[in-house]
Protein backbone atom coordinates (compact mmCIF):
# COMPACT_ATOMS: atom_id res chain seq x y z
CA UNK A 1 -191.23 27.13 144.87
CA UNK A 2 -188.52 26.70 147.50
CA UNK A 3 -187.37 23.12 148.04
CA UNK A 4 -186.76 22.25 151.72
CA UNK A 5 -183.19 21.41 152.69
CA UNK A 6 -184.12 17.80 153.39
CA UNK A 7 -186.81 16.26 151.21
CA UNK A 8 -187.50 12.80 149.86
CA UNK A 9 -188.19 12.98 146.13
CA UNK A 10 -189.00 9.80 144.28
CA UNK A 11 -190.90 8.06 141.54
CA UNK A 12 -193.82 6.28 143.19
CA UNK A 13 -197.30 4.86 142.76
CA UNK A 14 -200.10 4.28 145.28
CA UNK A 15 -198.30 1.15 146.54
CA UNK A 16 -194.67 1.22 145.41
CA UNK A 17 -191.61 3.43 145.26
CA UNK A 18 -188.59 3.18 142.96
CA UNK A 19 -185.03 3.26 144.28
CA UNK A 20 -181.77 2.95 142.39
CA UNK A 21 -178.64 0.86 142.84
CA UNK A 22 -175.55 0.33 140.69
CA UNK A 23 -173.70 -2.99 140.46
CA UNK A 24 -171.13 -4.78 138.36
CA UNK A 25 -172.57 -7.00 135.59
CA UNK A 26 -171.98 -10.21 137.57
CA UNK A 27 -174.45 -9.07 140.23
CA UNK A 28 -176.87 -7.05 138.10
CA UNK A 29 -177.27 -9.66 135.32
CA UNK A 30 -178.53 -12.52 137.54
CA UNK A 31 -180.76 -10.12 139.51
CA UNK A 32 -182.50 -8.82 136.39
CA UNK A 33 -182.87 -12.33 134.98
CA UNK A 34 -184.37 -13.68 138.21
CA UNK A 35 -186.42 -10.59 139.05
CA UNK A 36 -184.88 -10.59 142.51
CA UNK A 37 -181.48 -10.41 144.14
CA UNK A 38 -179.65 -13.73 143.95
CA UNK A 39 -176.01 -14.76 144.48
CA UNK A 40 -173.43 -13.36 144.04
CA UNK A 41 -175.43 -10.55 145.68
CA UNK A 42 -174.57 -10.73 149.40
CA UNK A 43 -177.49 -10.02 151.68
CA UNK A 44 -175.23 -9.96 154.77
CA UNK A 45 -173.58 -6.71 153.55
CA UNK A 46 -175.11 -3.25 153.87
CA UNK A 47 -176.92 -2.28 150.66
CA UNK A 48 -177.60 1.38 149.86
CA UNK A 49 -180.78 2.49 148.09
CA UNK A 50 -181.30 5.91 146.49
CA UNK A 51 -184.67 7.35 145.43
CA UNK A 52 -182.98 10.13 143.41
CA UNK A 53 -181.93 9.09 139.91
CA UNK A 54 -179.67 12.14 139.53
CA UNK A 55 -177.85 11.36 142.76
CA UNK A 56 -177.39 7.77 141.61
CA UNK A 57 -175.92 9.05 138.37
CA UNK A 58 -173.55 11.30 140.27
CA UNK A 59 -172.47 8.34 142.39
CA UNK A 60 -171.92 5.88 139.52
CA UNK A 61 -170.69 8.36 136.91
CA UNK A 62 -173.50 7.57 134.51
CA UNK A 63 -172.74 3.84 134.84
CA UNK A 64 -169.12 4.36 133.83
CA UNK A 65 -167.41 3.74 137.17
CA UNK A 66 -165.76 0.36 137.75
CA UNK A 67 -168.07 -1.96 139.67
CA UNK A 68 -171.10 0.25 138.91
CA UNK A 69 -171.56 -0.42 135.22
CA UNK A 70 -175.19 -1.52 135.53
CA UNK A 71 -177.88 0.66 137.05
CA UNK A 72 -180.99 -1.01 138.41
CA UNK A 73 -184.36 0.58 139.12
CA UNK A 74 -185.73 -1.44 142.04
CA UNK A 75 -189.46 -1.10 142.71
CA UNK A 76 -190.28 -1.79 146.37
CA UNK A 77 -193.39 -1.51 148.49
CA UNK A 78 -194.08 1.81 150.17
CA UNK A 79 -194.90 -0.12 153.33
CA UNK A 80 -191.37 -1.53 153.33
CA UNK A 81 -189.73 1.81 152.58
CA UNK A 82 -191.62 3.46 155.40
CA UNK A 83 -190.74 0.60 157.79
CA UNK A 84 -187.08 1.17 157.00
CA UNK A 85 -187.36 4.92 157.68
CA UNK A 86 -189.22 4.28 160.93
CA UNK A 87 -186.35 2.03 162.08
CA UNK A 88 -183.52 4.15 160.71
CA UNK A 89 -180.83 6.21 162.39
CA UNK A 90 -178.84 9.07 160.93
CA UNK A 91 -175.39 7.93 159.80
CA UNK A 92 -173.84 10.90 161.63
CA UNK A 93 -174.30 12.48 165.05
CA UNK A 94 -176.53 15.57 165.26
CA UNK A 95 -176.85 17.48 168.56
CA UNK A 96 -180.41 18.58 167.77
CA UNK A 97 -181.59 15.03 167.40
CA UNK A 98 -179.41 12.89 169.69
CA UNK A 99 -178.95 13.44 173.43
CA UNK A 100 -175.21 12.87 173.05
CA UNK A 101 -172.75 10.89 170.94
CA UNK A 102 -173.29 7.77 173.06
CA UNK A 103 -177.04 7.95 172.40
CA UNK A 104 -176.38 8.23 168.67
CA UNK A 105 -173.90 5.32 168.78
CA UNK A 106 -176.47 3.14 170.55
CA UNK A 107 -179.10 3.96 167.92
CA UNK A 108 -176.64 3.26 165.13
CA UNK A 109 -175.72 -0.16 166.53
CA UNK A 110 -179.34 -1.19 167.02
CA UNK A 111 -180.82 0.22 163.80
CA UNK A 112 -181.24 -2.00 160.72
CA UNK A 113 -181.23 1.10 158.49
CA UNK A 114 -179.23 4.32 158.36
CA UNK A 115 -179.93 7.54 156.53
CA UNK A 116 -177.59 10.04 154.88
CA UNK A 117 -178.64 13.39 153.47
CA UNK A 118 -176.33 14.34 150.62
CA UNK A 119 -176.49 17.39 148.34
CA UNK A 120 -178.79 16.76 145.41
CA UNK A 121 -177.17 17.16 142.00
CA UNK A 122 -177.97 18.86 138.75
CA UNK A 123 -177.88 16.85 135.56
CA UNK A 124 -174.27 18.13 135.26
CA UNK A 125 -173.53 16.69 138.74
CA UNK A 126 -173.22 20.13 140.35
CA UNK A 127 -174.37 20.27 144.01
CA UNK A 128 -177.71 21.91 144.74
CA UNK A 129 -178.63 23.71 147.99
CA UNK A 130 -181.12 20.99 148.99
CA UNK A 131 -180.36 17.41 149.95
CA UNK A 132 -181.31 13.94 148.76
CA UNK A 133 -181.81 10.83 150.84
CA UNK A 134 -179.87 7.62 150.58
CA UNK A 135 -180.53 4.77 152.97
CA UNK A 136 -178.32 1.84 153.95
CA UNK A 137 -180.06 -1.42 154.80
CA UNK A 138 -178.51 -4.16 156.89
CA UNK A 139 -179.64 -7.11 159.00
CA UNK A 140 -183.40 -7.38 159.18
CA UNK A 141 -183.94 -4.44 156.81
CA UNK A 142 -181.72 -6.00 154.12
CA UNK A 143 -183.50 -9.34 154.48
CA UNK A 144 -186.94 -7.72 154.23
CA UNK A 145 -185.77 -5.66 151.23
CA UNK A 146 -184.71 -8.77 149.33
CA UNK A 147 -187.45 -11.17 150.45
CA UNK A 148 -190.52 -9.05 151.18
CA UNK A 149 -190.46 -5.52 149.79
CA UNK A 150 -189.08 -6.07 146.29
CA UNK A 151 -191.68 -5.90 143.52
CA UNK A 152 -189.64 -5.59 140.34
CA UNK A 153 -186.11 -4.97 139.04
CA UNK A 154 -185.44 -3.14 135.76
CA UNK A 155 -182.09 -2.43 134.14
CA UNK A 156 -181.99 1.29 133.31
CA UNK A 157 -178.36 1.44 132.23
CA UNK A 158 -179.41 2.34 128.68
CA UNK A 159 -181.26 5.37 130.03
CA UNK A 160 -178.13 6.46 131.92
CA UNK A 161 -176.04 6.13 128.78
CA UNK A 162 -178.61 7.97 126.67
CA UNK A 163 -178.71 10.92 129.07
CA UNK A 164 -174.90 11.00 129.22
CA UNK A 165 -174.86 11.03 125.40
CA UNK A 166 -177.12 14.07 125.34
CA UNK A 167 -174.84 15.83 127.83
CA UNK A 168 -171.78 15.00 125.75
CA UNK A 169 -173.57 16.64 122.82
CA UNK A 170 -174.27 19.74 124.97
CA UNK A 171 -177.98 19.00 124.80
CA UNK A 172 -178.89 19.65 128.45
CA UNK A 173 -182.59 20.10 127.69
CA UNK A 174 -182.64 16.75 125.92
CA UNK A 175 -180.85 15.15 128.85
CA UNK A 176 -183.34 16.62 131.33
CA UNK A 177 -186.23 15.31 129.25
CA UNK A 178 -185.02 11.71 129.73
CA UNK A 179 -184.83 11.87 133.52
CA UNK A 180 -187.42 9.84 135.46
CA UNK A 181 -190.16 12.04 136.91
CA UNK A 182 -189.74 12.39 140.68
CA UNK A 183 -191.96 14.26 143.15
CA UNK A 184 -192.01 14.87 146.90
CA UNK A 185 -192.86 11.71 148.76
CA UNK A 186 -195.69 11.87 151.36
CA UNK A 187 -195.00 10.19 154.70
CA UNK A 188 -197.44 9.20 157.46
CA UNK A 189 -197.17 11.12 160.73
CA UNK A 190 -194.28 9.97 162.87
CA UNK A 191 -192.42 8.05 160.17
CA UNK A 192 -188.87 9.27 159.92
CA UNK A 193 -188.79 11.06 163.27
CA UNK A 194 -185.42 9.54 164.10
CA UNK A 195 -183.84 11.12 161.02
CA UNK A 196 -185.20 14.63 161.62
CA UNK A 197 -184.08 17.14 164.22
CA UNK A 198 -186.26 18.43 167.07
CA UNK A 199 -187.48 21.48 165.12
CA UNK A 200 -188.58 19.31 162.22
CA UNK A 201 -190.54 17.06 164.54
CA UNK A 202 -192.06 20.05 166.36
CA UNK A 203 -193.35 21.70 163.19
CA UNK A 204 -194.58 18.42 161.68
CA UNK A 205 -192.67 18.75 158.42
CA UNK A 206 -195.03 16.68 156.27
CA UNK A 207 -195.93 15.53 153.68
CA UNK A 208 -192.17 15.49 153.16
CA UNK A 209 -189.16 15.25 155.45
CA UNK A 210 -187.57 18.65 155.32
CA UNK A 211 -185.34 20.99 157.20
């Protein structure tokens, strides 16, 4: 089965979706203990959420990069995630979607969320031909994320280390078996239109965002 160039893949239930973030221990520890984000987490800074576990591992180096030693699985409401997508803007200008660069800049300034589509990664961190979503939340979106959408926080650093251990032992199959199960995420009609180009909107690329 061919995977579309742009597709949201995630671990989700009927009501929630799991995203990943990596933090230093001084932020992750209090958050896990409290079950929510508390100081020194700064809600006035943009916070990036990633539905793809493999892309999070690529970004944080399997929880070995400085400042990203703890990986958190953050369960949020699907209603909140879809609100963020509906109010998001692409982080870069695209002629097929924006009238001109000024139009894109206006959207970027007014949007509480921004979307980037980055190459998905194999378990060995090699780029794949399809892309994975990451979304930055700021302003109202960051506040809603912390205060309204968050359902649970789990520390999954041990899982990251266990998978890295299998890779170090050249056990790729064992590493793959430990990955969280992710599947294409269904979106209601119209959600995410501002992060798809005109052709995507015309063909109604659902249940997943794709290109």
